[in-house]
Protein backbone atom coordinates (compact mmCIF):
# COMPACT_ATOMS: atom_id res chain seq x y z
CA MET A 1 5.72 -7.05 -9.77
CA GLU A 2 9.45 -7.04 -9.08
CA PRO A 3 10.72 -6.39 -5.54
CA GLY A 4 10.82 -2.77 -4.49
CA SER A 5 13.94 -0.66 -4.71
CA VAL A 6 14.59 2.98 -3.97
CA GLU A 7 14.52 3.78 -7.71
CA ASN A 8 11.37 1.96 -8.85
CA LEU A 9 8.54 3.92 -7.29
CA SER A 10 5.48 3.88 -9.55
CA ILE A 11 3.32 7.02 -9.61
CA VAL A 12 -0.40 6.40 -10.16
CA TYR A 13 -1.63 10.01 -9.87
CA ARG A 14 -0.25 13.45 -9.05
CA SER A 15 -1.97 16.75 -8.46
CA ARG A 16 -1.14 19.93 -6.59
CA ASP A 17 -2.55 18.39 -3.39
CA PHE A 18 -2.04 14.63 -3.63
CA LEU A 19 0.38 12.01 -4.83
CA VAL A 20 -0.84 8.43 -5.25
CA VAL A 21 1.87 5.80 -5.50
CA ASN A 22 1.84 2.06 -6.03
CA LYS A 23 3.39 0.70 -2.82
CA HIS A 24 5.39 -2.46 -3.38
CA TRP A 25 4.80 -5.61 -1.38
CA ASP A 26 7.12 -6.17 1.58
CA VAL A 27 7.97 -2.45 1.86
CA ARG A 28 7.22 -0.53 5.04
CA ILE A 29 5.63 2.89 4.69
CA ASP A 30 7.91 4.65 7.14
CA SER A 31 10.39 3.94 9.87
CA LYS A 32 12.66 5.71 12.29
CA ALA A 33 14.75 2.55 12.68
CA TRP A 34 18.15 2.62 11.00
CA ARG A 35 17.95 -1.06 10.06
CA GLU A 36 15.03 -0.65 7.63
CA THR A 37 16.71 -0.98 4.25
CA LEU A 38 13.78 0.21 2.17
CA THR A 39 10.67 2.19 3.02
CA LEU A 40 8.18 4.15 0.97
CA GLN A 41 9.44 7.18 2.86
CA LYS A 42 12.95 6.59 1.44
CA GLN A 43 11.57 6.04 -2.06
CA LEU A 44 9.66 9.33 -1.88
CA ARG A 45 12.71 11.23 -0.56
CA TYR A 46 14.80 9.79 -3.40
CA ARG A 47 12.29 10.59 -6.17
CA PHE A 48 10.76 13.81 -4.81
CA PRO A 49 13.19 15.46 -2.37
CA GLU A 50 11.46 18.80 -2.96
CA LEU A 51 8.15 17.40 -1.61
CA ALA A 52 9.57 16.32 1.76
CA ASP A 53 8.13 18.39 4.61
CA PRO A 54 10.47 18.85 7.61
CA ASP A 55 7.46 19.80 9.78
CA THR A 56 6.18 16.20 9.70
CA CYS A 57 7.50 13.23 11.63
CA TYR A 58 8.41 11.16 8.56
CA GLY A 59 8.75 13.90 5.95
CA PHE A 60 5.47 13.07 4.22
CA ARG A 61 1.78 13.12 5.11
CA PHE A 62 0.55 9.57 4.51
CA CYS A 63 -3.27 9.64 4.26
CA HIS A 64 -3.71 5.99 5.21
CA GLN A 65 -1.75 2.80 5.79
CA LEU A 66 -1.14 -0.43 3.91
CA ASP A 67 0.29 -3.48 5.64
CA PHE A 68 3.94 -4.36 5.06
CA SER A 69 3.14 -7.31 2.81
CA THR A 70 0.32 -5.53 0.94
CA SER A 71 0.92 -3.76 -2.36
CA GLY A 72 -1.38 -1.17 -3.85
CA ALA A 73 -2.33 2.47 -4.19
CA LEU A 74 -1.33 4.69 -1.28
CA CYS A 75 -2.27 8.37 -1.05
CA VAL A 76 0.15 11.02 0.19
CA ALA A 77 -1.08 14.55 0.92
CA LEU A 78 1.29 17.23 -0.33
CA ASN A 79 0.16 19.98 2.04
CA LYS A 80 -1.51 20.43 5.40
CA ALA A 81 -4.92 21.41 3.99
CA ALA A 82 -5.04 18.34 1.72
CA ALA A 83 -4.03 16.12 4.66
CA GLY A 84 -6.89 17.54 6.73
CA SER A 85 -9.36 16.99 3.91
CA ALA A 86 -8.21 13.39 3.42
CA TYR A 87 -8.37 12.76 7.17
CA ARG A 88 -12.00 13.94 7.29
CA CYS A 89 -12.91 11.75 4.31
CA PHE A 90 -11.47 8.66 6.01
CA LYS A 91 -12.99 9.62 9.37
CA ASP A 92 -16.46 10.15 7.85
CA ARG A 93 -16.09 6.90 5.85
CA ARG A 94 -16.44 8.66 2.50
CA VAL A 95 -13.44 6.65 1.28
CA THR A 96 -13.62 2.96 0.48
CA LYS A 97 -10.65 0.63 0.27
CA ALA A 98 -11.00 -2.61 -1.64
CA TYR A 99 -8.63 -5.57 -1.46
CA LEU A 100 -8.14 -8.25 -4.08
CA ALA A 101 -6.42 -11.51 -3.22
CA LEU A 102 -4.81 -13.43 -6.04
CA VAL A 103 -4.71 -17.18 -5.47
CA VAL A 104 -2.64 -19.61 -7.48
CA ARG A 105 -3.25 -23.36 -7.54
CA THR A 106 -0.54 -25.88 -8.16
CA GLN A 107 -1.05 -28.74 -10.60
CA SER A 108 -1.65 -31.16 -7.71
CA GLN A 109 -4.41 -28.90 -6.34
CA ALA A 110 -6.11 -28.67 -9.74
CA SER A 111 -7.75 -32.08 -9.30
CA GLN A 112 -9.42 -31.06 -6.03
CA SER A 113 -13.06 -29.96 -6.26
CA SER A 114 -12.62 -27.04 -3.84
CA TRP A 115 -9.95 -25.15 -1.94
CA PHE A 116 -9.80 -24.59 1.77
CA TRP A 117 -8.07 -21.44 2.95
CA ASN A 118 -7.47 -20.85 6.64
CA THR A 119 -5.88 -17.55 7.63
CA GLY A 120 -6.10 -18.18 11.36
CA CYS A 121 -9.04 -15.86 11.90
CA THR A 122 -10.99 -16.36 8.68
CA GLN A 123 -11.87 -19.51 6.83
CA ALA A 124 -13.06 -19.59 3.27
CA ILE A 125 -13.94 -22.38 0.92
CA LEU A 126 -13.58 -21.41 -2.71
CA SER A 127 -15.24 -23.32 -5.46
CA PRO A 128 -13.21 -23.67 -8.68
CA LYS A 129 -16.26 -22.28 -10.50
CA CYS A 130 -15.62 -18.82 -9.04
CA CYS A 131 -11.95 -18.67 -9.87
């Protein structure tokens, strides 16, 4: 996936109540800081200025969050009732998020029998058989 820009927002789904977009990696969802060059909030304002809601803090009702460096589907409620419904679904754990990590080995790592991945709080040993 190419780096995000204000013009290249990918729409996954749209209904009367929800918009699901593919958030790019290394793009913040929203920001009040002037120094943020690109946010999902800015992409949405550029592509759908008519959907911006001045009654909200950021102009849009984001149903959940994705980390700055994480790409993937992000749901935006298009009205107050839909936002309330989505909130209850997340609160009652009727929504499941799944994450997929893509790992690439270099040629020098290919000869090793297993990989060791240490994220600081989680350690995993992956066998080449599973990848």
